[in-house]
PDB file of N, CA and C in Angstrom:
ATOM      1  N   MET A   1     113.795 133.365 132.573  1.00  0.00           N
ATOM      2  CA  MET A   1     114.682 132.627 131.693  1.00  0.00           C
ATOM      3  C   MET A   1     114.048 131.288 131.346  1.00  0.00           C
ATOM      4  N   ARG A   2     114.171 130.896 130.104  1.00  0.00           N
ATOM      5  CA  ARG A   2     113.550 129.652 129.652  1.00  0.00           C
ATOM      6  C   ARG A   2     114.380 128.446 130.077  1.00  0.00           C
ATOM      7  N   GLU A   3     113.669 127.409 130.412  1.00  0.00           N
ATOM      8  CA  GLU A   3     114.328 126.163 130.800  1.00  0.00           C
ATOM      9  C   GLU A   3     114.836 125.450 129.549  1.00  0.00           C
ATOM     10  N   GLN A   4     116.076 124.989 129.596  1.00  0.00           N
ATOM     11  CA  GLN A   4     116.638 124.244 128.474  1.00  0.00           C
ATOM     12  C   GLN A   4     116.110 122.818 128.501  1.00  0.00           C
ATOM     13  N   ILE A   5     115.629 122.357 127.372  1.00  0.00           N
ATOM     14  CA  ILE A   5     115.085 121.011 127.264  1.00  0.00           C
ATOM     15  C   ILE A   5     116.086 120.160 126.496  1.00  0.00           C
ATOM     16  N   ASP A   6     116.464 119.030 127.078  1.00  0.00           N
ATOM     17  CA  ASP A   6     117.360 118.104 126.393  1.00  0.00           C
ATOM     18  C   ASP A   6     116.505 117.144 125.575  1.00  0.00           C
ATOM     19  N   TRP A   7     116.089 117.597 124.399  1.00  0.00           N
ATOM     20  CA  TRP A   7     115.166 116.821 123.577  1.00  0.00           C
ATOM     21  C   TRP A   7     115.789 115.520 123.107  1.00  0.00           C
ATOM     22  N   LYS A   8     117.108 115.524 122.904  1.00  0.00           N
ATOM     23  CA  LYS A   8     117.762 114.295 122.440  1.00  0.00           C
ATOM     24  C   LYS A   8     117.658 113.199 123.493  1.00  0.00           C
ATOM     25  N   GLN A   9     117.903 113.571 124.744  1.00  0.00           N
ATOM     26  CA  GLN A   9     117.832 112.575 125.814  1.00  0.00           C
ATOM     27  C   GLN A   9     116.393 112.116 126.034  1.00  0.00           C
ATOM     28  N   GLU A  10     115.454 113.035 125.960  1.00  0.00           N
ATOM     29  CA  GLU A  10     114.043 112.654 126.089  1.00  0.00           C
ATOM     30  C   GLU A  10     113.640 111.669 125.001  1.00  0.00           C
ATOM     31  N   LEU A  11     114.099 111.918 123.793  1.00  0.00           N
ATOM     32  CA  LEU A  11     113.773 111.029 122.681  1.00  0.00           C
ATOM     33  C   LEU A  11     114.437 109.671 122.856  1.00  0.00           C
ATOM     34  N   LEU A  12     115.685 109.665 123.317  1.00  0.00           N
ATOM     35  CA  LEU A  12     116.375 108.392 123.559  1.00  0.00           C
ATOM     36  C   LEU A  12     115.666 107.570 124.628  1.00  0.00           C
ATOM     37  N   ASP A  13     115.168 108.241 125.660  1.00  0.00           N
ATOM     38  CA  ASP A  13     114.497 107.535 126.755  1.00  0.00           C
ATOM     39  C   ASP A  13     113.122 107.012 126.351  1.00  0.00           C
ATOM     40  N   SER A  14     112.536 107.572 125.301  1.00  0.00           N
ATOM     41  CA  SER A  14     111.146 107.249 124.989  1.00  0.00           C
ATOM     42  C   SER A  14     110.964 106.138 123.966  1.00  0.00           C
ATOM     43  N   ALA A  15     111.976 105.817 123.173  1.00  0.00           N
ATOM     44  CA  ALA A  15     111.751 104.861 122.083  1.00  0.00           C
ATOM     45  C   ALA A  15     113.019 104.082 121.759  1.00  0.00           C
ATOM     46  N   ASN A  16     112.847 103.046 120.953  1.00  0.00           N
ATOM     47  CA  ASN A  16     113.977 102.263 120.464  1.00  0.00           C
ATOM     48  C   ASN A  16     114.423 102.813 119.113  1.00  0.00           C
ATOM     49  N   PHE A  17     115.714 102.843 118.910  1.00  0.00           N
ATOM     50  CA  PHE A  17     116.278 103.364 117.675  1.00  0.00           C
ATOM     51  C   PHE A  17     117.290 102.384 117.132  1.00  0.00           C
ATOM     52  N   ASN A  18     117.561 102.504 115.834  1.00  0.00           N
ATOM     53  CA  ASN A  18     118.640 101.694 115.289  1.00  0.00           C
ATOM     54  C   ASN A  18     119.970 102.307 115.718  1.00  0.00           C
ATOM     55  N   GLY A  19     121.056 101.632 115.423  1.00  0.00           N
ATOM     56  CA  GLY A  19     122.368 102.076 115.886  1.00  0.00           C
ATOM     57  C   GLY A  19     122.758 103.445 115.382  1.00  0.00           C
ATOM     58  N   LYS A  20     122.466 103.722 114.118  1.00  0.00           N
ATOM     59  CA  LYS A  20     122.849 105.015 113.540  1.00  0.00           C
ATOM     60  C   LYS A  20     122.088 106.165 114.192  1.00  0.00           C
ATOM     61  N   GLN A  21     120.781 105.992 114.387  1.00  0.00           N
ATOM     62  CA  GLN A  21     119.988 107.049 115.011  1.00  0.00           C
ATOM     63  C   GLN A  21     120.457 107.299 116.439  1.00  0.00           C
ATOM     64  N   GLU A  22     120.726 106.239 117.163  1.00  0.00           N
ATOM     65  CA  GLU A  22     121.184 106.389 118.547  1.00  0.00           C
ATOM     66  C   GLU A  22     122.541 107.081 118.598  1.00  0.00           C
ATOM     67  N   LYS A  23     123.434 106.725 117.678  1.00  0.00           N
ATOM     68  CA  LYS A  23     124.760 107.348 117.629  1.00  0.00           C
ATOM     69  C   LYS A  23     124.646 108.841 117.331  1.00  0.00           C
ATOM     70  N   ILE A  24     123.764 109.209 116.401  1.00  0.00           N
ATOM     71  CA  ILE A  24     123.584 110.624 116.062  1.00  0.00           C
ATOM     72  C   ILE A  24     123.010 111.389 117.252  1.00  0.00           C
ATOM     73  N   LEU A  25     122.051 110.792 117.954  1.00  0.00           N
ATOM     74  CA  LEU A  25     121.460 111.470 119.112  1.00  0.00           C
ATOM     75  C   LEU A  25     122.472 111.636 120.241  1.00  0.00           C
ATOM     76  N   LYS A  26     123.365 110.674 120.411  1.00  0.00           N
ATOM     77  CA  LYS A  26     124.341 110.748 121.504  1.00  0.00           C
ATOM     78  C   LYS A  26     125.560 111.597 121.156  1.00  0.00           C
ATOM     79  N   HIS A  27     126.044 111.490 119.915  1.00  0.00           N
ATOM     80  CA  HIS A  27     127.324 112.110 119.567  1.00  0.00           C
ATOM     81  C   HIS A  27     127.228 113.236 118.546  1.00  0.00           C
ATOM     82  N   GLY A  28     126.045 113.487 118.009  1.00  0.00           N
ATOM     83  CA  GLY A  28     125.885 114.568 117.044  1.00  0.00           C
ATOM     84  C   GLY A  28     126.124 114.112 115.622  1.00  0.00           C
ATOM     85  N   GLN A  29     125.835 115.003 114.687  1.00  0.00           N
ATOM     86  CA  GLN A  29     125.950 114.664 113.279  1.00  0.00           C
ATOM     87  C   GLN A  29     127.376 114.888 112.790  1.00  0.00           C
ATOM     88  N   LYS A  30     127.769 114.086 111.803  1.00  0.00           N
ATOM     89  CA  LYS A  30     129.105 114.197 111.214  1.00  0.00           C
ATOM     90  C   LYS A  30     129.049 114.521 109.721  1.00  0.00           C
ATOM     91  N   SER A  31     127.870 114.440 109.129  1.00  0.00           N
ATOM     92  CA  SER A  31     127.746 114.691 107.691  1.00  0.00           C
ATOM     93  C   SER A  31     126.399 115.350 107.413  1.00  0.00           C
ATOM     94  N   LEU A  32     126.205 115.718 106.170  1.00  0.00           N
ATOM     95  CA  LEU A  32     124.956 116.357 105.771  1.00  0.00           C
ATOM     96  C   LEU A  32     123.777 115.405 105.946  1.00  0.00           C
ATOM     97  N   ILE A  33     123.955 114.161 105.567  1.00  0.00           N
ATOM     98  CA  ILE A  33     122.871 113.181 105.703  1.00  0.00           C
ATOM     99  C   ILE A  33     122.533 112.967 107.176  1.00  0.00           C
ATOM    100  N   ASP A  34     123.560 112.951 108.028  1.00  0.00           N
ATOM    101  CA  ASP A  34     123.310 112.829 109.466  1.00  0.00           C
ATOM    102  C   ASP A  34     122.495 114.013 109.981  1.00  0.00           C
ATOM    103  N   SER A  35     122.772 115.209 109.465  1.00  0.00           N
ATOM    104  CA  SER A  35     122.017 116.386 109.919  1.00  0.00           C
ATOM    105  C   SER A  35     120.567 116.306 109.465  1.00  0.00           C
ATOM    106  N   TRP A  36     120.320 115.740 108.270  1.00  0.00           N
ATOM    107  CA  TRP A  36     118.936 115.537 107.824  1.00  0.00           C
ATOM    108  C   TRP A  36     118.218 114.561 108.744  1.00  0.00           C
ATOM    109  N   LEU A  37     118.914 113.494 109.106  1.00  0.00           N
ATOM    110  CA  LEU A  37     118.329 112.494 109.990  1.00  0.00           C
ATOM    111  C   LEU A  37     118.065 113.090 111.372  1.00  0.00           C
ATOM    112  N   LEU A  38     118.989 113.917 111.862  1.00  0.00           N
ATOM    113  CA  LEU A  38     118.798 114.569 113.152  1.00  0.00           C
ATOM    114  C   LEU A  38     117.593 115.505 113.104  1.00  0.00           C
ATOM    115  N   GLY A  39     117.415 116.209 111.993  1.00  0.00           N
ATOM    116  CA  GLY A  39     116.242 117.063 111.830  1.00  0.00           C
ATOM    117  C   GLY A  39     114.954 116.263 111.842  1.00  0.00           C
ATOM    118  N   ALA A  40     114.980 115.093 111.207  1.00  0.00           N
ATOM    119  CA  ALA A  40     113.797 114.224 111.209  1.00  0.00           C
ATOM    120  C   ALA A  40     113.512 113.713 112.617  1.00  0.00           C
ATOM    121  N   LEU A  41     114.560 113.402 113.366  1.00  0.00           N
ATOM    122  CA  LEU A  41     114.371 112.946 114.748  1.00  0.00           C
ATOM    123  C   LEU A  41     113.813 114.073 115.614  1.00  0.00           C
ATOM    124  N   TYR A  42     114.267 115.302 115.376  1.00  0.00           N
ATOM    125  CA  TYR A  42     113.751 116.448 116.121  1.00  0.00           C
ATOM    126  C   TYR A  42     112.268 116.661 115.813  1.00  0.00           C
ATOM    127  N   THR A  43     111.904 116.520 114.540  1.00  0.00           N
ATOM    128  CA  THR A  43     110.497 116.636 114.153  1.00  0.00           C
ATOM    129  C   THR A  43     109.672 115.550 114.822  1.00  0.00           C
ATOM    130  N   ARG A  44     110.217 114.351 114.906  1.00  0.00           N
ATOM    131  CA  ARG A  44     109.541 113.236 115.585  1.00  0.00           C
ATOM    132  C   ARG A  44     109.311 113.573 117.055  1.00  0.00           C
ATOM    133  N   TRP A  45     110.324 114.156 117.706  1.00  0.00           N
ATOM    134  CA  TRP A  45     110.203 114.522 119.119  1.00  0.00           C
ATOM    135  C   TRP A  45     109.132 115.600 119.306  1.00  0.00           C
ATOM    136  N   LYS A  46     109.115 116.618 118.403  1.00  0.00           N
ATOM    137  CA  LYS A  46     108.111 117.682 118.518  1.00  0.00           C
ATOM    138  C   LYS A  46     106.702 117.125 118.367  1.00  0.00           C
ATOM    139  N   LYS A  47     106.510 116.196 117.424  1.00  0.00           N
ATOM    140  CA  LYS A  47     105.188 115.585 117.254  1.00  0.00           C
ATOM    141  C   LYS A  47     104.808 114.782 118.488  1.00  0.00           C
ATOM    142  N   MET A  48     105.781 114.083 119.057  1.00  0.00           N
ATOM    143  CA  MET A  48     105.530 113.276 120.241  1.00  0.00           C
ATOM    144  C   MET A  48     105.107 114.162 121.424  1.00  0.00           C
ATOM    145  N   LYS A  49     105.721 115.337 121.528  1.00  0.00           N
ATOM    146  CA  LYS A  49     105.417 116.261 122.619  1.00  0.00           C
ATOM    147  C   LYS A  49     104.187 117.120 122.341  1.00  0.00           C
ATOM    148  N   GLY A  50     103.745 117.147 121.100  1.00  0.00           N
ATOM    149  CA  GLY A  50     102.565 117.938 120.756  1.00  0.00           C
ATOM    150  C   GLY A  50     102.866 119.379 120.398  1.00  0.00           C
ATOM    151  N   TYR A  51     104.136 119.707 120.134  1.00  0.00           N
ATOM    152  CA  TYR A  51     104.485 121.064 119.717  1.00  0.00           C
ATOM    153  C   TYR A  51     104.070 121.255 118.268  1.00  0.00           C
ATOM    154  N   ARG A  52     103.490 122.402 117.984  1.00  0.00           N
ATOM    155  CA  ARG A  52     103.056 122.690 116.620  1.00  0.00           C
ATOM    156  C   ARG A  52     103.736 123.961 116.127  1.00  0.00           C
ATOM    157  N   GLU A  53     104.090 123.935 114.864  1.00  0.00           N
ATOM    158  CA  GLU A  53     104.668 125.115 114.228  1.00  0.00           C
ATOM    159  C   GLU A  53     103.550 126.119 113.959  1.00  0.00           C
ATOM    160  N   PRO A  54     103.826 127.419 114.080  1.00  0.00           N
ATOM    161  CA  PRO A  54     102.791 128.397 113.736  1.00  0.00           C
ATOM    162  C   PRO A  54     102.495 128.316 112.243  1.00  0.00           C
ATOM    163  N   PRO A  55     101.259 128.530 111.860  1.00  0.00           N
ATOM    164  CA  PRO A  55     100.928 128.447 110.433  1.00  0.00           C
ATOM    165  C   PRO A  55     101.653 129.534 109.643  1.00  0.00           C
ATOM    166  N   THR A  56     102.059 129.187 108.455  1.00  0.00           N
ATOM    167  CA  THR A  56     102.751 130.158 107.616  1.00  0.00           C
ATOM    168  C   THR A  56     101.740 131.128 107.017  1.00  0.00           C
ATOM    169  N   PRO A  57     102.121 132.389 106.876  1.00  0.00           N
ATOM    170  CA  PRO A  57     101.183 133.352 106.297  1.00  0.00           C
ATOM    171  C   PRO A  57     100.984 133.071 104.809  1.00  0.00           C
ATOM    172  N   ASN A  58      99.867 133.521 104.300  1.00  0.00           N
ATOM    173  CA  ASN A  58      99.575 133.347 102.890  1.00  0.00           C
ATOM    174  C   ASN A  58     100.366 134.388 102.101  1.00  0.00           C
ATOM    175  N   CYS A  59     101.388 133.958 101.416  1.00  0.00           N
ATOM    176  CA  CYS A  59     102.257 134.861 100.663  1.00  0.00           C
ATOM    177  C   CYS A  59     102.014 134.771  99.162  1.00  0.00           C
ATOM    178  N   LEU A  60     100.874 134.236  98.793  1.00  0.00           N
ATOM    179  CA  LEU A  60     100.582 134.079  97.377  1.00  0.00           C
ATOM    180  C   LEU A  60     100.211 135.414  96.749  1.00  0.00           C
ATOM    181  N   SER A  61     100.604 135.573  95.522  1.00  0.00           N
ATOM    182  CA  SER A  61     100.156 136.721  94.745  1.00  0.00           C
ATOM    183  C   SER A  61      99.803 136.201  93.357  1.00  0.00           C
ATOM    184  N   SER A  62      98.963 136.924  92.685  1.00  0.00           N
ATOM    185  CA  SER A  62      98.539 136.452  91.376  1.00  0.00           C
ATOM    186  C   SER A  62      99.163 137.306  90.282  1.00  0.00           C
ATOM    187  N   PHE A  63      99.250 136.731  89.122  1.00  0.00           N
ATOM    188  CA  PHE A  63      99.772 137.447  87.972  1.00  0.00           C
ATOM    189  C   PHE A  63      98.865 138.617  87.605  1.00  0.00           C
ATOM    190  N   LEU A  64      97.551 138.431  87.784  1.00  0.00           N
ATOM    191  CA  LEU A  64      96.612 139.512  87.453  1.00  0.00           C
ATOM    192  C   LEU A  64      96.821 140.720  88.360  1.00  0.00           C
ATOM    193  N   GLU A  65      97.049 140.480  89.655  1.00  0.00           N
ATOM    194  CA  GLU A  65      97.323 141.590  90.572  1.00  0.00           C
ATOM    195  C   GLU A  65      98.592 142.323  90.150  1.00  0.00           C
ATOM    196  N   TRP A  66      99.598 141.574  89.772  1.00  0.00           N
ATOM    197  CA  TRP A  66     100.850 142.174  89.345  1.00  0.00           C
ATOM    198  C   TRP A  66     100.646 143.001  88.079  1.00  0.00           C
ATOM    199  N   GLU A  67      99.868 142.480  87.148  1.00  0.00           N
ATOM    200  CA  GLU A  67      99.570 143.206  85.909  1.00  0.00           C
ATOM    201  C   GLU A  67      98.833 144.516  86.207  1.00  0.00           C
ATOM    202  N   LYS A  68      97.878 144.481  87.138  1.00  0.00           N
ATOM    203  CA  LYS A  68      97.134 145.696  87.496  1.00  0.00           C
ATOM    204  C   LYS A  68      98.064 146.740  88.109  1.00  0.00           C
ATOM    205  N   ARG A  69      98.937 146.294  89.016  1.00  0.00           N
ATOM    206  CA  ARG A  69      99.887 147.225  89.629  1.00  0.00           C
ATOM    207  C   ARG A  69     100.838 147.787  88.583  1.00  0.00           C
ATOM    208  N   LEU A  70     101.220 146.968  87.649  1.00  0.00           N
ATOM    209  CA  LEU A  70     102.109 147.412  86.585  1.00  0.00           C
ATOM    210  C   LEU A  70     101.419 148.459  85.709  1.00  0.00           C
ATOM    211  N   ALA A  71     100.142 148.242  85.398  1.00  0.00           N
ATOM    212  CA  ALA A  71      99.384 149.188  84.575  1.00  0.00           C
ATOM    213  C   ALA A  71      99.197 150.523  85.291  1.00  0.00           C
ATOM    214  N   LYS A  72      99.022 150.482  86.629  1.00  0.00           N
ATOM    215  CA  LYS A  72      98.846 151.712  87.406  1.00  0.00           C
ATOM    216  C   LYS A  72     100.181 152.354  87.777  1.00  0.00           C
ATOM    217  N   LYS A  73     101.270 151.710  87.377  1.00  0.00           N
ATOM    218  CA  LYS A  73     102.633 152.153  87.708  1.00  0.00           C
ATOM    219  C   LYS A  73     102.856 152.188  89.214  1.00  0.00           C
ATOM    220  N   GLU A  74     102.313 151.189  89.892  1.00  0.00           N
ATOM    221  CA  GLU A  74     102.501 151.055  91.340  1.00  0.00           C
ATOM    222  C   GLU A  74     103.659 150.103  91.625  1.00  0.00           C
ATOM    223  N   PHE A  75     104.802 150.471  91.177  1.00  0.00           N
ATOM    224  CA  PHE A  75     105.971 149.649  91.435  1.00  0.00           C
ATOM    225  C   PHE A  75     107.157 150.566  91.665  1.00  0.00           C
ATOM    226  N   TYR A  76     108.172 150.035  92.260  1.00  0.00           N
ATOM    227  CA  TYR A  76     109.354 150.813  92.575  1.00  0.00           C
ATOM    228  C   TYR A  76     110.414 150.536  91.522  1.00  0.00           C
ATOM    229  N   VAL A  77     110.989 151.576  90.999  1.00  0.00           N
ATOM    230  CA  VAL A  77     112.052 151.434  90.010  1.00  0.00           C
ATOM    231  C   VAL A  77     113.381 151.642  90.723  1.00  0.00           C
ATOM    232  N   LEU A  78     114.258 150.685  90.564  1.00  0.00           N
ATOM    233  CA  LEU A  78     115.575 150.813  91.180  1.00  0.00           C
ATOM    234  C   LEU A  78     116.367 151.920  90.503  1.00  0.00           C
ATOM    235  N   ILE A  79     117.060 152.679  91.341  1.00  0.00           N
ATOM    236  CA  ILE A  79     117.973 153.683  90.811  1.00  0.00           C
ATOM    237  C   ILE A  79     119.385 153.266  91.203  1.00  0.00           C
ATOM    238  N   GLU A  80     120.364 153.957  90.701  1.00  0.00           N
ATOM    239  CA  GLU A  80     121.749 153.546  90.923  1.00  0.00           C
ATOM    240  C   GLU A  80     122.124 153.569  92.402  1.00  0.00           C
ATOM    241  N   ASP A  81     121.531 154.469  93.181  1.00  0.00           N
ATOM    242  CA  ASP A  81     121.844 154.548  94.611  1.00  0.00           C
ATOM    243  C   ASP A  81     121.331 153.334  95.387  1.00  0.00           C
ATOM    244  N   ASP A  82     120.371 152.603  94.828  1.00  0.00           N
ATOM    245  CA  ASP A  82     119.822 151.427  95.504  1.00  0.00           C
ATOM    246  C   ASP A  82     120.737 150.211  95.396  1.00  0.00           C
ATOM    247  N   VAL A  83     121.626 150.226  94.436  1.00  0.00           N
ATOM    248  CA  VAL A  83     122.465 149.063  94.168  1.00  0.00           C
ATOM    249  C   VAL A  83     123.829 149.280  94.797  1.00  0.00           C
ATOM    250  N   LEU A  84     124.282 148.301  95.555  1.00  0.00           N
ATOM    251  CA  LEU A  84     125.603 148.386  96.169  1.00  0.00           C
ATOM    252  C   LEU A  84     126.622 147.707  95.261  1.00  0.00           C
ATOM    253  N   TYR A  85     127.618 148.452  94.875  1.00  0.00           N
ATOM    254  CA  TYR A  85     128.671 147.904  94.037  1.00  0.00           C
ATOM    255  C   TYR A  85     129.892 147.614  94.904  1.00  0.00           C
ATOM    256  N   PRO A  86     130.617 146.547  94.603  1.00  0.00           N
ATOM    257  CA  PRO A  86     131.830 146.269  95.388  1.00  0.00           C
ATOM    258  C   PRO A  86     132.911 147.311  95.091  1.00  0.00           C
ATOM    259  N   ASP A  87     133.778 147.512  96.058  1.00  0.00           N
ATOM    260  CA  ASP A  87     134.864 148.497  95.915  1.00  0.00           C
ATOM    261  C   ASP A  87     136.114 147.833  95.350  1.00  0.00           C
ATOM    262  N   TRP A  88     136.016 147.253  94.178  1.00  0.00           N
ATOM    263  CA  TRP A  88     137.182 146.566  93.605  1.00  0.00           C
ATOM    264  C   TRP A  88     138.068 147.533  92.951  1.00  0.00           C
TER     265      TRP A  88
END
C-alpha cells in the first residue's frame, strides 16, 4: 500500500506564503480561482521534490498522411448502429 503524502503540510513547512496561499493550503479552495492557485502550489511542491511528469506521447499527425489514407480508403465509415440515439 502506498504511503499518503501530506503535500500541503510539507509545502507549508518549507516556505513562506502570503495569507491567501496559506489559507488555501490549510482550508482548501472555495472558488475556481482558488483551485487554480492550489494547482499552481501543487506544481511548485512537485518541482521542489523533484517529481517529474512522464513525457507525453507524440500524437501529431499530418494532413498529407490523412490525405493518403483517404485516397486509399483507409478510414472507418460510421453506420447507424455506431451512433447512440437518446430514447426520447
